Amino acid sequence: MLDIRTRRKARQRPLLARKRVLVPIALAVCVTWFYLAGWNFQRLDHSNSSTVLERDLRVGSEAEAVTTTTSSSVPSSESQEQAVAGTKEDGRTGEQAAGAGESQNATRFDRQVLQLLGKKQSIVYLRERLTSKRPFSCGGTKTVKLNSAKNLAKTHSGLEKLVPLEDPIPARNLSCAVVGNGGNLLETQFGRSIDEADAVIRFNAAVTDGYEEFVGSKTTYRILNRPQSQERYQSSVEANETTLTMLRDNGDLKAWVRGVRGIVPASEHAGGPGSYFLDFEFLCHAWRFVRKRGERPSSGLVGIVLAVHLCKHGRIDVFGFHSENYFSESTRPHYYDWERPKKGRERVHPFAMERKVYESLERFGVVRLHS
C-alpha cells in the first residue's frame, strides 16, 4: 500500500510542476488579451465620438439657408450695370451660411467654409485685449509672428490710448462692395454700382481719382497690408475713410504707433473714420478659410471676410479679383499702375485656394463675383 501511494505521488509531481509554470502563463495571456481588447474598444469609441462630434458641428451650424445665385459675365457696360442691379434687388435671405440640408450636398471644402462663416470674430483690436495672456491661435507663424498680446502695452508706449474701447465696426444690415485692384476693371463700367453700396472696401494704394467710371469714387474702409503702407499710400487715403492695417510682429506694431500717433481714434464715437489695426485673431480666422495654406492670407481674402462680417444680413458684390492678371506678363496687374510682384510672390499667398473660397461663397449666395 505504501509503495502504491509513493508511486502515485511520484507521478503527480511532474504534473504539479507543470501547473505551477502554466497557470501564471495562462493568467498573463488573459490579462494581456483583456488589456488589448479594452484599448481597441476605447480607440473605436473615440473614433465614433469624433465622427459624431464632427457631424453635430456640421448639422448644428447657426447659419440658415440662403438663396443661391449664379454669376454671369456680360460684355456691354449697360448689361453689366443691369447684372449688378439685379443682384441688389434679389439680395440674400437669412444668414450667409446654408443649413444642414444644404451642407449635405456641398463638398467638404464648402462645408468648412460655411462653418467658418458662423463664427463670431472681433474685427478691430480692442483695448481690453491688450491685457489678455491667451496665445494667438496662429501665433508664431508668418501670418501672426507674435505668440500673444502679453506685454504689448508695456512694450509700445502710448498704444493703449490709440486702441479703441469698443468695436468701431459693428456688423450692420449693409450692402458691401469689395473692390480689388485688378487691371481688368478698366474693361468695365462698374463705378456707379460700386458707389451705390453702403460700404465700399478698397486695398492699399487703390486710387479713384480719374477712374471713377470703372471703380467709383467712394471709399469706406481701406485695408493696408503693412503699417508702412500707411505712409506710402497716404496720398490715396481720404479723410472720410477708415484704415485697417494688418500687423504681424512688434516691428509692425511700432511702425503703426509711430504712424498714427497724434491722431485721435474714433473709440468714443464708434462707426466714425479713424485708423485701427485688425485683431490678430481676425487674421488667423481669415487664414483658416484657406486651411492655413501659404504663408498668410492676402489682403483681398481678409477684405472679403471683413465684408462677410460687416454686411451680415446684406449683400456683397466683389469686383476686380483676378490674381492671374497679377502674375501675367501681358496683362495689366493693377488698374492704376503696371507694378508687378517680386519673384516668388505667388508662394506667399494661396491665390488658387482663395479663388475656391470666393467661388464657394458665391455658390451659396454669400457674395456675387463680377468680371
Protein backbone atom coordinates (compact mmCIF):
# COMPACT_ATOMS: atom_id res chain seq x y z
CA MET A 1 0.00 0.00 0.00
CA LEU A 2 2.79 2.37 0.91
CA ASP A 3 4.54 1.63 -2.36
CA ILE A 4 1.36 2.42 -4.34
CA ARG A 5 1.00 5.84 -2.63
CA THR A 6 4.64 6.58 -3.15
CA ARG A 7 4.41 5.76 -6.84
CA ARG A 8 1.20 7.89 -7.22
CA LYS A 9 2.88 10.94 -5.59
CA ALA A 10 5.87 10.43 -7.83
CA ARG A 11 3.61 10.56 -10.89
CA GLN A 12 1.81 13.72 -9.62
CA ARG A 13 5.00 15.74 -9.03
CA PRO A 14 5.72 16.49 -12.73
CA LEU A 15 2.06 17.45 -13.23
CA LEU A 16 2.16 19.88 -10.29
CA ALA A 17 5.38 21.33 -11.60
CA ARG A 18 3.81 21.87 -14.99
CA LYS A 19 0.78 23.55 -13.37
CA ARG A 20 3.00 25.93 -11.45
CA VAL A 21 4.50 27.04 -14.76
CA LEU A 22 1.41 27.02 -16.99
CA VAL A 23 -1.05 28.79 -14.67
CA PRO A 24 0.94 32.06 -14.45
CA ILE A 25 1.46 31.97 -18.21
CA ALA A 26 -2.27 31.50 -18.79
CA LEU A 27 -3.07 34.35 -16.42
CA ALA A 28 -0.59 36.61 -18.18
CA VAL A 29 -2.12 35.79 -21.56
CA CYS A 30 -5.64 36.54 -20.28
CA VAL A 31 -4.61 39.86 -18.75
CA THR A 32 -2.84 40.87 -21.97
CA TRP A 33 -5.86 39.94 -24.08
CA PHE A 34 -8.27 41.93 -21.91
CA TYR A 35 -5.93 44.93 -21.94
CA LEU A 36 -5.63 44.94 -25.73
CA ALA A 37 -9.36 44.39 -26.18
CA GLY A 38 -10.12 47.31 -23.88
CA TRP A 39 -7.62 49.55 -25.67
CA ASN A 40 -9.13 48.75 -29.07
CA PHE A 41 -12.61 49.41 -27.71
CA GLN A 42 -11.53 52.80 -26.37
CA ARG A 43 -9.95 53.68 -29.68
CA LEU A 44 -13.09 52.65 -31.56
CA ASP A 45 -15.27 54.56 -29.14
CA HIS A 46 -13.07 57.66 -29.51
CA SER A 47 -13.25 57.39 -33.30
CA ASN A 48 -17.03 57.09 -33.19
CA SER A 49 -17.27 60.05 -30.81
CA SER A 50 -15.12 62.20 -33.11
CA THR A 51 -17.33 61.27 -36.07
CA VAL A 52 -20.48 62.16 -34.16
CA LEU A 53 -18.95 65.43 -32.97
CA GLU A 54 -17.91 66.37 -36.50
CA ARG A 55 -21.40 65.56 -37.79
CA ASP A 56 -23.04 67.56 -35.00
CA LEU A 57 -20.85 70.56 -35.75
CA ARG A 58 -21.98 70.48 -39.35
CA VAL A 59 -25.63 69.96 -38.57
CA GLY A 60 -25.61 72.40 -35.67
CA SER A 61 -24.32 75.32 -37.71
CA GLU A 62 -26.08 78.53 -36.70
CA ALA A 63 -26.48 79.57 -40.32
CA GLU A 64 -29.71 79.41 -42.28
CA ALA A 65 -30.31 78.57 -45.92
CA VAL A 66 -29.56 81.27 -48.42
CA THR A 67 -30.62 81.95 -51.98
CA THR A 68 -28.04 80.60 -54.40
CA THR A 69 -27.19 82.86 -57.31
CA THR A 70 -25.05 82.31 -60.36
CA SER A 71 -22.57 84.86 -61.59
CA SER A 72 -22.75 85.77 -65.28
CA SER A 73 -20.25 87.62 -67.44
CA VAL A 74 -21.71 90.27 -69.78
CA PRO A 75 -19.85 92.25 -72.44
CA SER A 76 -21.59 95.64 -72.52
CA SER A 77 -21.45 98.27 -69.79
CA GLU A 78 -25.27 98.54 -69.77
CA SER A 79 -25.75 94.83 -69.19
CA GLN A 80 -23.05 94.89 -66.51
CA GLU A 81 -24.99 97.55 -64.60
CA GLN A 82 -28.17 95.50 -65.01
CA ALA A 83 -26.45 92.41 -63.63
CA VAL A 84 -25.34 94.23 -60.50
CA ALA A 85 -28.71 95.90 -60.09
CA GLY A 86 -30.43 92.53 -60.41
CA THR A 87 -28.27 91.14 -57.64
CA LYS A 88 -29.12 94.05 -55.36
CA GLU A 89 -32.85 93.55 -55.96
CA ASP A 90 -32.63 89.85 -55.19
CA GLY A 91 -30.44 90.36 -52.13
CA ARG A 92 -29.85 87.42 -49.79
CA THR A 93 -32.26 85.78 -47.43
CA GLY A 94 -31.16 84.69 -43.99
CA GLU A 95 -27.59 84.20 -42.85
CA GLN A 96 -24.69 83.70 -45.26
CA ALA A 97 -24.21 80.06 -44.44
CA ALA A 98 -26.55 77.32 -45.60
CA GLY A 99 -28.13 74.99 -43.07
CA ALA A 100 -27.70 71.28 -42.63
CA GLY A 101 -29.81 70.41 -45.67
CA GLU A 102 -27.55 72.44 -47.96
CA SER A 103 -24.41 71.07 -46.31
CA GLN A 104 -25.27 67.51 -47.27
CA ASN A 105 -24.95 68.36 -50.97
CA ALA A 106 -21.85 70.53 -50.57
CA THR A 107 -18.27 69.42 -50.84
CA ARG A 108 -16.16 69.04 -47.74
CA PHE A 109 -14.39 72.28 -48.59
CA ASP A 110 -17.71 74.10 -48.90
CA ARG A 111 -18.83 72.81 -45.52
CA GLN A 112 -15.64 74.03 -43.87
CA VAL A 113 -16.10 77.49 -45.41
CA LEU A 114 -19.71 77.65 -44.27
CA GLN A 115 -18.82 76.61 -40.73
CA LEU A 116 -16.32 79.46 -40.51
CA LEU A 117 -18.99 81.94 -41.60
CA GLY A 118 -20.99 81.21 -38.47
CA LYS A 119 -18.13 82.05 -36.10
CA LYS A 120 -18.22 85.40 -34.33
CA GLN A 121 -14.96 87.29 -34.52
CA SER A 122 -13.80 90.71 -33.38
CA ILE A 123 -12.54 92.73 -36.33
CA VAL A 124 -10.58 95.57 -34.73
CA TYR A 125 -8.15 95.06 -31.87
CA LEU A 126 -9.77 96.43 -28.71
CA ARG A 127 -8.23 97.87 -25.56
CA GLU A 128 -9.43 95.04 -23.34
CA ARG A 129 -7.41 92.58 -25.45
CA LEU A 130 -4.14 94.30 -24.52
CA THR A 131 -4.19 92.57 -21.14
CA SER A 132 -5.04 89.13 -22.48
CA LYS A 133 -2.45 86.40 -21.89
CA ARG A 134 -4.21 83.92 -24.12
CA PRO A 135 -1.94 82.84 -27.01
CA PHE A 136 -3.00 83.66 -30.55
CA SER A 137 -4.38 80.63 -32.38
CA CYS A 138 -1.91 81.10 -35.27
CA GLY A 139 0.83 82.81 -33.25
CA GLY A 140 4.41 82.07 -34.21
CA THR A 141 3.60 81.83 -37.94
CA LYS A 142 4.18 84.26 -40.80
CA THR A 143 0.53 85.27 -40.55
CA VAL A 144 0.96 86.41 -36.94
CA LYS A 145 4.52 86.23 -35.65
CA LEU A 146 3.55 87.35 -32.14
CA ASN A 147 2.64 84.50 -29.83
CA SER A 148 0.33 86.54 -27.58
CA ALA A 149 -0.58 90.07 -26.51
CA LYS A 150 1.44 89.76 -23.31
CA ASN A 151 3.40 92.95 -22.55
CA LEU A 152 2.25 94.71 -25.74
CA ALA A 153 1.07 97.80 -23.84
CA LYS A 154 4.34 97.93 -21.88
CA THR A 155 6.49 97.42 -24.95
CA HIS A 156 4.78 100.10 -27.04
CA SER A 157 4.30 103.37 -25.18
CA GLY A 158 1.03 105.12 -25.96
CA LEU A 159 -0.56 102.07 -27.56
CA GLU A 160 -3.38 101.92 -25.02
CA LYS A 161 -4.60 105.41 -25.99
CA LEU A 162 -4.66 104.51 -29.68
CA VAL A 163 -6.67 101.29 -29.32
CA PRO A 164 -10.47 101.74 -29.14
CA LEU A 165 -12.58 100.74 -26.15
CA GLU A 166 -15.41 99.32 -28.25
CA ASP A 167 -15.70 97.91 -31.75
CA PRO A 168 -15.87 100.84 -34.20
CA ILE A 169 -17.04 98.50 -36.97
CA PRO A 170 -20.19 96.74 -35.72
CA ALA A 171 -21.98 94.30 -38.01
CA ARG A 172 -24.87 96.02 -39.72
CA ASN A 173 -27.56 95.36 -42.28
CA LEU A 174 -25.45 96.93 -45.06
CA SER A 175 -24.69 96.34 -48.68
CA CYS A 176 -20.97 95.98 -49.32
CA ALA A 177 -18.80 96.40 -52.40
CA VAL A 178 -15.34 94.86 -52.19
CA VAL A 179 -13.18 96.40 -54.91
CA GLY A 180 -9.95 94.66 -55.83
CA ASN A 181 -7.15 96.26 -57.82
CA GLY A 182 -7.31 94.01 -60.90
CA GLY A 183 -6.39 95.59 -64.22
CA ASN A 184 -9.48 94.05 -65.83
CA LEU A 185 -11.59 96.74 -64.12
CA LEU A 186 -10.61 99.10 -66.94
CA GLU A 187 -12.67 96.90 -69.26
CA THR A 188 -15.83 97.52 -67.20
CA GLN A 189 -18.03 100.38 -66.05
CA PHE A 190 -18.99 99.35 -62.54
CA GLY A 191 -18.37 102.77 -60.97
CA ARG A 192 -21.98 103.75 -60.36
CA SER A 193 -22.91 100.35 -58.93
CA ILE A 194 -19.93 100.40 -56.56
CA ASP A 195 -20.82 103.85 -55.22
CA GLU A 196 -24.40 102.72 -54.51
CA ALA A 197 -23.17 100.28 -51.85
CA ASP A 198 -23.47 101.34 -48.21
CA ALA A 199 -19.84 100.35 -47.52
CA VAL A 200 -17.01 100.20 -50.06
CA ILE A 201 -13.82 98.30 -49.17
CA ARG A 202 -10.57 99.03 -51.04
CA PHE A 203 -6.95 97.96 -50.64
CA ASN A 204 -3.56 99.59 -50.28
CA ALA A 205 -2.81 102.17 -52.99
CA ALA A 206 -6.12 101.87 -54.84
CA VAL A 207 -6.93 105.34 -56.19
CA THR A 208 -10.24 106.56 -57.53
CA ASP A 209 -9.36 109.96 -58.99
CA GLY A 210 -9.55 109.62 -62.75
CA TYR A 211 -11.01 106.09 -62.57
CA GLU A 212 -14.50 106.86 -61.24
CA GLU A 213 -16.17 105.37 -64.32
CA PHE A 214 -14.56 102.00 -63.64
CA VAL A 215 -14.20 101.76 -59.84
CA GLY A 216 -16.38 104.53 -58.40
CA SER A 217 -15.24 107.28 -56.03
CA LYS A 218 -16.49 106.14 -52.63
CA THR A 219 -14.25 104.50 -50.01
CA THR A 220 -15.46 103.48 -46.55
CA TYR A 221 -12.72 101.11 -45.41
CA ARG A 222 -9.18 100.72 -46.73
CA ILE A 223 -7.16 97.62 -45.78
CA LEU A 224 -3.39 98.11 -45.65
CA ASN A 225 -1.18 95.04 -45.72
CA ARG A 226 1.62 96.66 -43.69
CA PRO A 227 1.92 99.72 -41.44
CA GLN A 228 4.48 101.16 -43.86
CA SER A 229 1.69 101.20 -46.42
CA GLN A 230 0.00 103.98 -44.48
CA GLU A 231 2.93 106.31 -45.16
CA ARG A 232 3.48 105.05 -48.71
CA TYR A 233 -0.17 105.28 -49.73
CA GLN A 234 -1.06 108.40 -47.77
CA SER A 235 -1.97 110.22 -50.96
CA SER A 236 -4.59 107.56 -51.70
CA VAL A 237 -6.20 107.72 -48.26
CA GLU A 238 -9.04 110.22 -47.94
CA ALA A 239 -10.13 111.98 -44.75
CA ASN A 240 -13.53 110.31 -44.53
CA GLU A 241 -12.35 106.69 -44.76
CA THR A 242 -11.28 104.24 -42.08
CA THR A 243 -7.93 102.47 -42.44
CA LEU A 244 -7.49 98.93 -41.15
CA THR A 245 -3.88 97.75 -41.02
CA MET A 246 -2.66 94.17 -40.83
CA LEU A 247 0.13 93.80 -38.23
CA ARG A 248 2.19 90.67 -37.61
CA ASP A 249 5.00 91.46 -35.19
CA ASN A 250 6.41 94.06 -32.80
CA GLY A 251 8.13 95.87 -35.66
CA ASP A 252 4.82 96.35 -37.46
CA LEU A 253 3.17 97.50 -34.25
CA LYS A 254 5.92 100.01 -33.55
CA ALA A 255 5.61 101.43 -37.06
CA TRP A 256 1.81 101.64 -36.74
CA VAL A 257 2.03 103.53 -33.42
CA ARG A 258 4.56 105.93 -34.92
CA GLY A 259 2.34 106.49 -37.96
CA VAL A 260 -0.91 107.23 -36.12
CA ARG A 261 0.48 108.95 -33.02
CA GLY A 262 -1.34 112.23 -32.51
CA ILE A 263 -4.41 111.04 -34.42
CA VAL A 264 -7.43 110.81 -32.09
CA PRO A 265 -9.07 107.43 -32.74
CA ALA A 266 -12.82 107.11 -33.10
CA SER A 267 -13.14 104.98 -29.97
CA GLU A 268 -15.65 107.30 -28.32
CA HIS A 269 -17.89 107.52 -31.38
CA ALA A 270 -17.97 104.04 -32.88
CA GLY A 271 -18.50 103.94 -36.60
CA GLY A 272 -16.66 107.17 -37.39
CA PRO A 273 -13.50 107.35 -39.51
CA GLY A 274 -10.21 106.50 -37.84
CA SER A 275 -7.06 104.40 -38.01
CA TYR A 276 -7.06 100.93 -36.45
CA PHE A 277 -5.29 97.63 -36.78
CA LEU A 278 -7.07 94.35 -37.34
CA ASP A 279 -7.36 91.92 -34.46
CA PHE A 280 -4.62 89.31 -34.70
CA GLU A 281 -7.25 86.61 -34.28
CA PHE A 282 -9.17 88.04 -37.23
CA LEU A 283 -6.12 87.36 -39.41
CA CYS A 284 -5.97 83.81 -38.02
CA HIS A 285 -9.68 83.46 -38.77
CA ALA A 286 -9.21 84.58 -42.39
CA TRP A 287 -6.27 82.18 -42.81
CA ARG A 288 -8.44 79.25 -41.72
CA PHE A 289 -10.66 79.81 -44.77
CA VAL A 290 -7.78 78.51 -46.92
CA ARG A 291 -6.81 75.79 -44.40
CA LYS A 292 -3.73 77.79 -43.42
CA ARG A 293 -2.14 77.32 -46.85
CA GLY A 294 0.59 79.69 -47.99
CA GLU A 295 2.48 81.97 -45.66
CA ARG A 296 -0.51 84.20 -44.95
CA PRO A 297 -3.87 85.24 -46.45
CA SER A 298 -3.89 88.01 -49.00
CA SER A 299 -5.39 91.38 -48.16
CA GLY A 300 -8.13 90.54 -50.69
CA LEU A 301 -9.26 87.50 -48.72
CA VAL A 302 -9.12 89.49 -45.48
CA GLY A 303 -11.31 92.15 -47.13
CA ILE A 304 -13.94 89.65 -48.24
CA VAL A 305 -14.03 88.06 -44.78
CA LEU A 306 -14.44 91.57 -43.37
CA ALA A 307 -17.37 92.19 -45.71
CA VAL A 308 -18.99 88.90 -44.68
CA HIS A 309 -18.94 90.02 -41.03
CA LEU A 310 -19.81 93.65 -41.72
CA CYS A 311 -22.68 93.01 -44.14
CA LYS A 312 -24.01 90.06 -42.19
CA HIS A 313 -27.56 90.32 -43.50
CA GLY A 314 -26.95 92.46 -46.55
CA ARG A 315 -25.48 91.84 -49.98
CA ILE A 316 -21.85 91.65 -51.02
CA ASP A 317 -20.62 92.42 -54.54
CA VAL A 318 -16.99 91.68 -55.42
CA PHE A 319 -15.14 93.43 -58.26
CA GLY A 320 -11.65 93.22 -59.73
CA PHE A 321 -10.44 89.99 -58.11
CA HIS A 322 -8.26 88.42 -60.81
CA SER A 323 -4.98 87.23 -59.35
CA GLU A 324 -3.99 85.70 -62.71
CA ASN A 325 -3.56 89.23 -64.06
CA TYR A 326 -1.20 89.98 -61.20
CA PHE A 327 1.39 87.47 -62.45
CA SER A 328 0.76 87.67 -66.19
CA GLU A 329 3.40 89.37 -68.32
CA SER A 330 0.91 90.55 -70.93
CA THR A 331 -1.98 91.95 -68.88
CA ARG A 332 -2.18 94.92 -66.56
CA PRO A 333 -1.70 93.84 -62.88
CA HIS A 334 -3.44 96.89 -61.34
CA TYR A 335 -5.94 99.23 -62.91
CA TYR A 336 -3.88 102.21 -61.71
CA ASP A 337 -0.28 101.04 -62.44
CA TRP A 338 1.92 98.38 -64.01
CA GLU A 339 3.82 97.39 -60.88
CA ARG A 340 4.43 93.63 -60.89
CA PRO A 341 5.08 91.40 -57.87
CA LYS A 342 8.55 90.27 -56.97
CA LYS A 343 9.62 86.78 -57.98
CA GLY A 344 8.27 84.14 -55.60
CA ARG A 345 5.34 86.28 -54.51
CA GLU A 346 2.91 83.64 -55.77
CA ARG A 347 4.07 81.34 -52.97
CA VAL A 348 3.28 83.86 -50.23
CA HIS A 349 -0.50 83.94 -50.72
CA PRO A 350 -2.55 80.84 -51.65
CA PHE A 351 -4.34 82.55 -54.53
CA ALA A 352 -5.72 79.34 -56.09
CA MET A 353 -7.22 78.25 -52.77
CA GLU A 354 -8.57 81.74 -52.15
CA ARG A 355 -10.33 81.61 -55.52
CA LYS A 356 -12.01 78.39 -54.40
CA VAL A 357 -13.24 80.20 -51.28
CA TYR A 358 -14.77 83.01 -53.36
CA GLU A 359 -16.48 80.53 -55.69
CA SER A 360 -17.77 78.56 -52.72
CA LEU A 361 -19.22 81.73 -51.18
CA GLU A 362 -20.87 82.58 -54.48
CA ARG A 363 -22.44 79.13 -54.82
CA PHE A 364 -24.23 79.69 -51.54
CA GLY A 365 -25.31 83.23 -52.32
CA VAL A 366 -22.98 84.91 -49.85
CA VAL A 367 -21.19 87.05 -52.45
CA ARG A 368 -21.60 87.89 -56.11
CA LEU A 369 -18.42 87.93 -58.23
CA HIS A 370 -18.33 90.40 -61.13
CA SER A 371 -15.88 90.08 -64.01
